[in-house]
Each structure stands twice: as structure tokens, then as C-alpha cells.
Amino acid sequence: MRICHVITRLILGGAQENTVSTVLGLARLGHDVELVSGHPSPGEGDLLNSFAQSPSLLTLSAHLVRPIHPWHDALATRDLIRHFKATRPGLVHTHSGKAGILARLAARRCHVKLIVHGIHGPSFGPFQGPLANFIFRSAERIADHWTDQYVVVAQAMTDQYLAANIGRSEQYTRIFSGFDLSPYMDIPLQANLCRNGSPFDPADFVVAAVARIAPLKGHEDLLQLASICRQKIPRFRMLFVGDGPLRPQIAERVHCLNLERVVVFAGMVSPDKVPGLLSQADVTAHLSLREGLPRALSQSLAAGRPVVAYDCDGASEVCLHERTGFLTQPGDVHTMARHLESLATNPALRLTLGKAGRALVRADFSQEIMVERTHQLYLRLGVPNPRQPMALLHR
């Protein structure tokens, strides 16, 4: 059975890395699979090189764009219908808000047998206004009529969507967003052993923040946190990994707050560079106000680094309070600063939390486990097993 995944764009991001790894992993298992995506947005990086060895697995759509745009949206839907009619997938698996709506509509129009939607983050919630929430909730409820199964990266997504009367509990399957663990698991647990050639000294206390510099990612709160912590923690430093549309404003705030000697911008980096940057940090902070389950948290734990995070969406499913890190309520920067002060003055606590986090991630977040769980879900939905000889399938 042919399987077609659809995502809005292949920028550098957790949902995109998850989707690419899933598609390539399913292909290695023998599935007839492809990915359809809109073109990456300028200035946000891309994952197109992931398909350099298998270009036939990727199709780019000129009209699949992130903003609501009636003309492009109509043309994208038309193109998806044409593509599905030409390739005849038996299962369409959609990702992200825009592609999730348009591709499910197109799949329905083409009478695709199975339609699966992946929820990597909420499309509605307190992060936006009532009108936007009404529109997105309504769209998701309509698309629910065409959806056979949901794949969520966190139980929090299931809870939020069921509370909005979208789907039934038996339609939801949680599959954590996996990644290649090996570059992280080899990192020494002590950050000061990893700082040769880095901008940090062994005595620095470094807090990393891995996120696009974009709305809702919490960089204003991170700067407030840095302002507090530099007064309380000797040699406090903060490392921003990522780039985005708010970089100029955040850089200006760094200047206004006199944080130029505290904050280091690593800029946009490819996924293979993230382990090396996390290895230089003592802790990772993630203050985003909209996530499914932040990949930055699981990556940091894989590196043996404890995490501090806002208790938002799925963060509590990996940032286990006082076991792998510390959670605070969104906006409570002062409590977050106290947690960082505790971690800065207690290396043994950092080591204990880091070891527990690494064990948690090893058990559930490998790329292989994610692909295998997706494969098993497809089998339950009736997709033929490519591992079995055809003669056995027809008995």
C-alpha cells in the first residue's frame, strides 16, 4: 500500500525532523512511502538535504504555504487532489495545521482508504485570540469527520483535543518524537569537559535555549531570567541556539539590558550541530508557550543535561519535576531563577537529574522506536506488512 505523508514546510524544527525521520525510516522497512511538502520559508533553514540519497521520496508543492491565503490554499488543495489521483495512496498521513486541513480534505475527495493526522503542537489555545481559536477549532472539528486516527507526540495533545470535542479517545495514539540518540549519549555528563574551543570557560555556568527566535518561544522571558541570574550566579552565561524573525528585536533587548557579555547567539544550526552545542551547557531552559512536546527537552536529557521548563502542553512528560529537571508555571521567571541557582550551586544534583533524564530518553525517544511504533500502528489500521512475503499476506 502506498503511503503519503504531507507537511506544510520543511524548515528546521522538531515536527519537521520527526516527519522526515519517520518517512525515511518507513522506507527502510520496505514501505512504499513519500513526503509532500511546501517549500521551506526563507531564513528558517531547511531539511531538503535529508532526501539527497533518495530524492524520489520528496515532492515539493508550490502553493502549500503556512499563512492563510485563499488563493494559494485553493491551488494547494487542487494540486494535492491531482497528486493523490495520480499516485493512489492507500494511507495519507498529514502533519501541521495547514497541511493537516488541506491534505485531509484532498484525501477525502479522492476516497483515500485511511487518513491519519499527526499533532505535533496545538492549533488552538490560550496563545491566540478567541476568533483564531474559533476558526481553528471549527476547522479541526470538520476535518475530524475525515480522520481515522491521530498520532500525538504527547498525552497533553490528546487531552486538549478531546476537551475540544475532536475525535474519540480510541482514535489517539501517542508516539514520542524520536531522534538519533547516539551523538547525545556519548557526551560526558560534566559540561566543563566539553568546552575546548567554545566561547565558554570551564568555570562558567551555561544555560542553553534551543528554539527558533520567534513568537511564543519565550526569548523575552529568557532575557529576564538572564538579568536575574547574572546577579545571583557567578559566571552565568546563556546560549541561544537558533534563529528566526525576532532575532533583531531580541539582539536589541540584549543590548538594552547590558547582557552582551552574558548571552551568546549560536545562530541557525543544522540538527547534527545541536549535540555539540548542548554538550557545552550545564542546563537547558525552555520557556515556550506553545509546544506539543519540545524536542529541545528530550535532546538535552539525552545529553545528560537537566532541564527547566514552563509547565506548558507536553513539557511535563519529559521534564519530570525534581526527577529530570524543574517545572514552573508560565511567566514565573523568579521561581525559574531560584531553580537555576540551586542547579548552579549543586553539581551533584545536576548529575543526578541528568542521569535520570538520559535513562528516560533512552527508553522511549530513539528514532528506531518512533518508526517501529508508527509501523505497528499502520499494521493495526490494515496496512500490509512489507516485511512479510506476499504469499503469506494472501493466505
Protein backbone atom coordinates (compact mmCIF):
# COMPACT_ATOMS: atom_id res chain seq x y z
CA MET A 1 0.00 0.00 0.00
CA ARG A 2 1.33 3.41 -0.93
CA ILE A 3 1.69 5.85 1.97
CA CYS A 4 1.87 9.62 1.52
CA HIS A 5 2.91 11.98 4.30
CA VAL A 6 2.11 15.68 3.88
CA ILE A 7 3.59 18.60 5.85
CA THR A 8 3.30 22.35 5.33
CA ARG A 9 7.04 23.12 5.08
CA LEU A 10 10.43 21.55 5.74
CA ILE A 11 12.08 24.22 7.87
CA LEU A 12 14.44 23.38 10.73
CA GLY A 13 12.10 22.31 13.51
CA GLY A 14 11.08 19.40 15.69
CA ALA A 15 7.90 18.50 13.79
CA GLN A 16 9.77 18.55 10.50
CA GLU A 17 12.68 16.46 11.80
CA ASN A 18 10.17 13.98 13.24
CA THR A 19 8.34 13.68 9.92
CA VAL A 20 11.50 13.31 7.82
CA SER A 21 12.88 10.62 10.15
CA THR A 22 9.57 8.75 10.06
CA VAL A 23 9.34 8.79 6.26
CA LEU A 24 12.95 7.69 5.76
CA GLY A 25 12.60 5.03 8.47
CA LEU A 26 9.41 3.60 6.96
CA ALA A 27 11.13 3.46 3.57
CA ARG A 28 13.96 1.43 5.13
CA LEU A 29 11.35 -1.00 6.48
CA GLY A 30 10.13 -1.52 2.93
CA HIS A 31 7.04 0.68 2.88
CA ASP A 32 6.12 2.44 -0.37
CA VAL A 33 6.21 5.93 1.16
CA GLU A 34 6.75 9.54 0.11
CA LEU A 35 6.57 13.03 1.59
CA VAL A 36 4.81 16.03 0.04
CA SER A 37 5.80 19.42 1.45
CA GLY A 38 5.56 23.09 0.70
CA HIS A 39 8.77 24.95 0.00
CA PRO A 40 10.83 25.99 3.07
CA SER A 41 10.45 29.57 4.23
CA PRO A 42 13.44 31.85 3.53
CA GLY A 43 15.70 32.43 6.51
CA GLU A 44 14.43 29.45 8.55
CA GLY A 45 16.73 26.74 7.23
CA ASP A 46 15.53 23.52 5.63
CA LEU A 47 15.82 19.74 5.71
CA LEU A 48 15.91 19.18 1.97
CA ASN A 49 19.35 17.56 2.15
CA SER A 50 17.81 14.72 4.13
CA PHE A 51 16.49 13.40 0.82
CA ALA A 52 19.74 13.78 -1.12
CA GLN A 53 20.17 9.99 -1.28
CA SER A 54 16.50 9.29 -2.03
CA PRO A 55 15.08 12.29 -3.95
CA SER A 56 12.13 10.26 -5.26
CA LEU A 57 10.68 10.23 -1.72
CA LEU A 58 10.10 14.01 -1.71
CA THR A 59 7.67 16.12 -3.73
CA LEU A 60 7.52 19.91 -3.25
CA SER A 61 4.27 21.84 -3.65
CA ALA A 62 4.50 25.46 -4.81
CA HIS A 63 1.19 26.52 -3.24
CA LEU A 64 1.38 24.86 0.18
CA VAL A 65 2.21 27.84 2.44
CA ARG A 66 1.89 28.47 6.17
CA PRO A 67 -0.23 31.68 6.28
CA ILE A 68 -3.93 31.51 5.49
CA HIS A 69 -4.13 32.51 1.80
CA PRO A 70 -7.39 31.61 -0.01
CA TRP A 71 -5.81 31.61 -3.49
CA HIS A 72 -2.76 29.51 -2.58
CA ASP A 73 -4.86 27.26 -0.35
CA ALA A 74 -7.30 26.50 -3.16
CA LEU A 75 -4.44 25.76 -5.55
CA ALA A 76 -2.64 23.62 -2.97
CA THR A 77 -5.80 21.57 -2.45
CA ARG A 78 -6.20 21.17 -6.21
CA ASP A 79 -2.58 20.04 -6.55
CA LEU A 80 -2.94 17.55 -3.70
CA ILE A 81 -6.07 16.07 -5.29
CA ARG A 82 -4.23 15.69 -8.59
CA HIS A 83 -1.26 14.12 -6.82
CA PHE A 84 -3.39 11.63 -4.89
CA LYS A 85 -5.29 10.66 -8.03
CA ALA A 86 -2.01 10.08 -9.87
CA THR A 87 -0.20 8.16 -7.09
CA ARG A 88 -3.24 6.44 -5.49
CA PRO A 89 -2.07 6.25 -1.84
CA GLY A 90 -3.94 3.90 0.45
CA LEU A 91 -2.96 5.95 3.50
CA VAL A 92 -2.40 9.71 3.81
CA HIS A 93 -0.65 10.87 6.99
CA THR A 94 -0.75 14.64 7.50
CA HIS A 95 1.32 16.92 9.74
CA SER A 96 0.97 20.57 10.89
CA GLY A 97 -2.10 22.79 10.82
CA LYS A 98 -2.36 23.94 7.22
CA ALA A 99 -1.33 20.67 5.56
CA GLY A 100 -3.45 18.81 8.08
CA ILE A 101 -6.63 20.51 6.90
CA LEU A 102 -5.96 20.76 3.16
CA ALA A 103 -4.46 17.30 2.70
CA ARG A 104 -7.21 15.59 4.69
CA LEU A 105 -9.78 17.38 2.53
CA ALA A 106 -7.97 16.31 -0.63
CA ALA A 107 -7.64 12.72 0.62
CA ARG A 108 -11.35 12.64 1.39
CA ARG A 109 -12.17 13.91 -2.10
CA CYS A 110 -10.00 11.14 -3.57
CA HIS A 111 -11.61 8.43 -1.39
CA VAL A 112 -8.29 7.52 0.28
CA LYS A 113 -8.88 4.44 2.42
CA LEU A 114 -7.05 5.61 5.57
CA ILE A 115 -6.40 9.16 6.80
CA VAL A 116 -4.09 9.80 9.76
CA HIS A 117 -3.28 13.20 11.24
CA GLY A 118 -0.15 13.90 13.30
CA ILE A 119 -0.47 16.51 16.05
CA HIS A 120 2.94 17.98 16.91
CA GLY A 121 1.53 21.03 18.68
CA PRO A 122 -1.86 22.60 19.35
CA SER A 123 -3.51 24.69 16.64
CA PHE A 124 -5.67 26.43 19.24
CA GLY A 125 -5.20 27.53 22.83
CA PRO A 126 -4.51 30.49 25.15
CA PHE A 127 -1.60 31.64 22.97
CA GLN A 128 -4.01 33.26 20.49
CA GLY A 129 -7.27 35.21 20.48
CA PRO A 130 -10.90 34.00 20.55
CA LEU A 131 -11.52 34.48 16.80
CA ALA A 132 -8.43 32.50 15.77
CA ASN A 133 -9.31 29.77 18.26
CA PHE A 134 -12.87 29.58 16.91
CA ILE A 135 -11.61 29.26 13.33
CA PHE A 136 -9.02 26.58 14.09
CA ARG A 137 -11.23 24.57 16.42
CA SER A 138 -14.01 24.63 13.81
CA ALA A 139 -11.63 23.54 11.05
CA GLU A 140 -10.27 20.70 13.18
CA ARG A 141 -13.80 19.52 14.06
CA ILE A 142 -14.75 19.45 10.38
CA ALA A 143 -11.55 17.60 9.43
CA ASP A 144 -12.20 15.11 12.23
CA HIS A 145 -15.04 13.65 10.14
CA TRP A 146 -12.40 12.58 7.59
CA THR A 147 -9.81 11.30 10.09
CA ASP A 148 -9.37 7.65 11.05
CA GLN A 149 -6.52 8.05 13.52
CA TYR A 150 -4.50 10.73 15.33
CA VAL A 151 -0.82 10.42 16.23
CA VAL A 152 0.22 12.74 19.04
CA VAL A 153 3.69 13.48 20.40
CA ALA A 154 2.34 13.99 23.94
CA GLN A 155 -0.63 12.93 26.01
CA ALA A 156 -1.32 16.63 26.54
CA MET A 157 -2.33 16.90 22.88
CA THR A 158 -4.86 14.09 23.28
CA ASP A 159 -6.31 15.74 26.37
CA GLN A 160 -6.63 19.15 24.68
CA TYR A 161 -8.22 17.83 21.50
CA LEU A 162 -10.69 15.59 23.34
CA ALA A 163 -11.63 18.54 25.55
CA ALA A 164 -12.43 20.44 22.34
CA ASN A 165 -14.69 17.57 21.19
CA ILE A 166 -12.32 16.48 18.43
CA GLY A 167 -12.21 12.73 17.91
CA ARG A 168 -12.66 9.86 20.36
CA SER A 169 -10.10 8.56 22.83
CA GLU A 170 -9.59 5.31 20.92
CA GLN A 171 -8.52 7.29 17.84
CA TYR A 172 -5.43 8.72 19.58
CA THR A 173 -2.01 7.07 19.72
CA ARG A 174 0.96 8.68 21.46
CA ILE A 175 4.28 8.20 19.71
CA PHE A 176 7.11 10.25 21.16
CA SER A 177 9.18 12.25 18.70
CA GLY A 178 12.33 10.17 18.28
CA PHE A 179 15.78 11.14 17.05
CA ASP A 180 19.26 9.66 16.65
CA LEU A 181 20.40 9.25 20.24
CA SER A 182 23.99 8.20 19.62
CA PRO A 183 25.57 11.70 19.30
CA TYR A 184 23.94 12.68 22.59
CA MET A 185 24.56 9.53 24.62
CA ASP A 186 28.32 9.81 24.06
CA ILE A 187 28.51 13.30 25.63
CA PRO A 188 30.29 13.45 29.02
CA LEU A 189 27.93 14.27 31.86
CA GLN A 190 30.13 17.17 33.03
CA ALA A 191 29.81 20.19 30.74
CA ASN A 192 33.23 21.60 31.63
CA LEU A 193 34.81 18.62 29.89
CA CYS A 194 33.27 19.69 26.57
CA ARG A 195 34.35 23.32 26.28
CA ASN A 196 37.61 23.20 24.35
CA GLY A 197 37.29 25.70 21.52
CA SER A 198 33.95 27.01 22.79
CA PRO A 199 33.19 30.61 23.87
CA PHE A 200 32.76 29.40 27.46
CA ASP A 201 35.29 28.79 30.21
CA PRO A 202 35.18 25.61 32.32
CA ALA A 203 34.05 27.65 35.36
CA ASP A 204 31.07 29.21 33.56
CA PHE A 205 27.53 28.11 34.39
CA VAL A 206 25.89 27.86 30.96
CA VAL A 207 22.15 27.66 30.29
CA ALA A 208 21.20 26.69 26.74
CA ALA A 209 17.95 27.61 24.99
CA VAL A 210 17.29 25.68 21.77
CA ALA A 211 14.42 27.25 19.83
CA ARG A 212 13.56 29.39 16.85
CA ILE A 213 13.70 33.07 17.80
CA ALA A 214 10.05 33.57 17.03
CA PRO A 215 6.79 34.50 18.78
CA LEU A 216 5.74 32.29 21.71
CA LYS A 217 9.19 30.73 22.08
CA GLY A 218 9.91 32.65 25.29
CA HIS A 219 13.03 34.64 24.46
CA GLU A 220 11.82 37.79 26.26
CA ASP A 221 11.35 35.70 29.41
CA LEU A 222 14.77 34.12 28.88
CA LEU A 223 16.36 37.55 28.85
CA GLN A 224 14.51 38.49 32.03
CA LEU A 225 15.77 35.23 33.52
CA ALA A 226 19.33 36.07 32.45
CA SER A 227 19.06 39.52 34.06
CA ILE A 228 18.08 37.96 37.38
CA CYS A 229 20.55 35.08 37.27
CA ARG A 230 23.63 37.11 36.45
CA GLN A 231 23.17 38.91 39.80
CA LYS A 232 22.93 35.65 41.76
CA ILE A 233 25.06 33.12 39.89
CA PRO A 234 28.77 33.78 39.38
CA ARG A 235 29.90 33.41 35.77
CA PHE A 236 26.34 32.92 34.50
CA ARG A 237 26.07 32.60 30.70
CA MET A 238 23.20 31.89 28.31
CA LEU A 239 23.45 30.25 24.89
CA PHE A 240 20.74 30.84 22.28
CA VAL A 241 20.72 28.08 19.66
CA GLY A 242 18.53 29.00 16.71
CA ASP A 243 17.48 31.98 14.64
CA GLY A 244 14.27 33.49 13.39
CA PRO A 245 12.24 36.60 12.65
CA LEU A 246 12.60 38.09 16.14
CA ARG A 247 16.40 37.89 16.20
CA PRO A 248 16.89 41.66 15.62
CA GLN A 249 14.47 42.61 18.42
CA ILE A 250 16.00 40.11 20.84
CA ALA A 251 19.51 41.29 19.99
CA GLU A 252 18.39 44.87 20.70
CA ARG A 253 16.96 43.78 24.07
CA VAL A 254 20.27 42.10 24.90
CA HIS A 255 21.96 45.45 24.29
CA CYS A 256 19.39 47.42 26.31
CA LEU A 257 19.72 45.04 29.26
CA ASN A 258 23.53 45.13 29.07
CA LEU A 259 23.68 41.38 28.53
CA GLU A 260 26.22 41.32 25.68
CA ARG A 261 28.77 39.51 27.87
CA VAL A 262 26.14 37.08 29.16
CA VAL A 263 24.21 35.97 26.07
CA VAL A 264 25.83 34.15 23.15
CA PHE A 265 23.96 33.70 19.85
CA ALA A 266 24.93 30.47 18.08
CA GLY A 267 22.60 31.28 15.20
CA MET A 268 20.84 28.81 12.96
CA VAL A 269 22.50 25.41 13.04
CA SER A 270 21.78 22.10 11.32
CA PRO A 271 20.45 19.26 13.52
CA ASP A 272 23.83 17.50 13.56
CA LYS A 273 25.39 20.53 15.32
CA VAL A 274 22.93 20.55 18.22
CA PRO A 275 24.62 17.79 20.30
CA GLY A 276 27.93 19.65 20.32
CA LEU A 277 26.27 22.86 21.48
CA LEU A 278 24.23 21.14 24.19
CA SER A 279 27.38 19.43 25.44
CA GLN A 280 28.76 22.86 26.41
CA ALA A 281 25.76 23.68 28.59
CA ASP A 282 25.09 22.74 32.21
CA VAL A 283 21.30 23.06 31.90
CA THR A 284 18.71 23.69 29.19
CA ALA A 285 15.87 26.19 29.68
CA HIS A 286 12.73 26.02 27.56
CA LEU A 287 10.15 28.76 28.15
CA SER A 288 7.94 28.27 25.12
CA LEU A 289 4.21 28.96 25.45
CA ARG A 290 3.16 26.64 22.63
CA GLU A 291 4.60 23.17 22.04
CA GLY A 292 3.49 19.60 21.64
CA LEU A 293 6.44 18.05 23.39
CA PRO A 294 9.59 20.17 22.98
CA ARG A 295 12.34 18.22 21.21
CA ALA A 296 14.88 20.50 22.89
CA LEU A 297 13.97 18.96 26.24
CA SER A 298 14.39 15.34 25.18
CA GLN A 299 17.63 16.19 23.33
CA SER A 300 19.02 17.92 26.41
CA LEU A 301 18.14 14.96 28.60
CA ALA A 302 19.77 12.60 26.10
CA ALA A 303 22.91 14.70 26.52
CA GLY A 304 22.65 14.20 30.28
CA ARG A 305 21.70 17.81 30.92
CA PRO A 306 18.85 18.59 33.34
CA VAL A 307 16.09 20.89 32.09
CA VAL A 308 13.98 23.73 33.42
CA ALA A 309 10.76 24.49 31.58
CA TYR A 310 7.39 26.11 31.71
CA ASP A 311 4.64 23.61 32.52
CA CYS A 312 3.07 24.02 29.09
CA ASP A 313 1.48 21.36 26.85
CA GLY A 314 3.64 18.20 26.91
CA ALA A 315 6.70 19.55 28.74
CA SER A 316 5.78 17.70 31.96
CA GLU A 317 6.01 14.35 30.14
CA VAL A 318 9.80 14.65 29.91
CA CYS A 319 10.67 17.41 32.38
CA LEU A 320 9.66 15.42 35.45
CA HIS A 321 9.69 17.86 38.35
CA GLU A 322 12.63 17.20 40.70
CA ARG A 323 13.46 14.00 38.77
CA THR A 324 14.84 15.19 35.42
CA GLY A 325 14.53 18.94 35.99
CA PHE A 326 12.19 21.62 37.29
CA LEU A 327 8.83 22.89 36.03
CA THR A 328 7.32 26.30 36.76
CA GLN A 329 4.10 27.96 35.76
CA PRO A 330 4.35 30.03 32.55
CA GLY A 331 5.61 33.51 33.32
CA ASP A 332 7.06 32.65 36.74
CA VAL A 333 10.60 33.71 35.91
CA HIS A 334 11.61 34.32 39.53
CA THR A 335 10.88 30.72 40.55
CA MET A 336 12.75 29.55 37.48
CA ALA A 337 15.74 31.66 38.58
CA ARG A 338 15.69 30.00 42.01
CA HIS A 339 15.76 26.57 40.39
CA LEU A 340 18.74 27.58 38.27
CA GLU A 341 20.52 28.92 41.34
CA SER A 342 20.02 25.52 43.02
CA LEU A 343 21.44 23.74 39.99
CA ALA A 344 24.37 26.14 39.70
CA THR A 345 25.44 25.55 43.30
CA ASN A 346 24.87 21.79 43.33
CA PRO A 347 26.81 19.85 40.67
CA ALA A 348 25.75 16.55 42.26
CA LEU A 349 22.08 17.46 41.71
CA ARG A 350 22.82 18.28 38.06
CA LEU A 351 24.48 14.91 37.67
CA THR A 352 21.59 13.01 39.30
CA LEU A 353 18.92 14.73 37.23
CA GLY A 354 20.98 14.36 34.06
CA LYS A 355 21.44 10.61 34.56
CA ALA A 356 17.71 10.13 35.19
CA GLY A 357 16.86 12.17 32.10
CA ARG A 358 19.23 10.18 29.92
CA ALA A 359 17.65 6.90 31.10
CA LEU A 360 14.14 8.21 30.39
CA VAL A 361 15.03 9.27 26.84
CA ARG A 362 16.93 6.07 26.08
CA ALA A 363 13.77 4.05 26.84
CA ASP A 364 11.31 5.98 24.65
CA PHE A 365 12.86 8.51 22.31
CA SER A 366 15.06 6.65 19.86
CA GLN A 367 14.41 7.13 16.17
CA GLU A 368 14.05 3.37 15.76
CA ILE A 369 11.34 3.14 18.44
CA MET A 370 9.38 6.00 16.83
CA VAL A 371 9.48 4.38 13.39
CA GLU A 372 8.61 0.92 14.74
CA ARG A 373 5.63 2.27 16.69
CA THR A 374 4.39 4.08 13.58
CA HIS A 375 4.83 0.87 11.57
CA GLN A 376 2.86 -1.12 14.17
CA LEU A 377 0.08 1.48 14.13
CA TYR A 378 -0.17 1.17 10.35
CA LEU A 379 -0.43 -2.61 10.67
CA ARG A 380 -3.30 -2.24 13.15
CA LEU A 381 -5.04 0.03 10.65
CA GLY A 382 -4.76 -2.64 7.96
CA VAL A 383 -1.64 -1.61 6.03
CA PRO A 384 0.08 -4.74 4.63
CA ASN A 385 3.35 -5.64 6.32
CA PRO A 386 6.21 -5.18 3.83
CA ARG A 387 8.37 -7.44 5.99
CA GLN A 388 6.22 -10.45 5.12
CA PRO A 389 6.39 -12.34 1.81
CA MET A 390 3.38 -11.70 -0.42
CA ALA A 391 2.40 -15.37 -0.30
CA LEU A 392 1.87 -15.13 3.46
CA LEU A 393 -0.18 -11.95 3.13
CA HIS A 394 -2.68 -13.68 0.84
CA ARG A 395 -3.23 -16.81 2.97
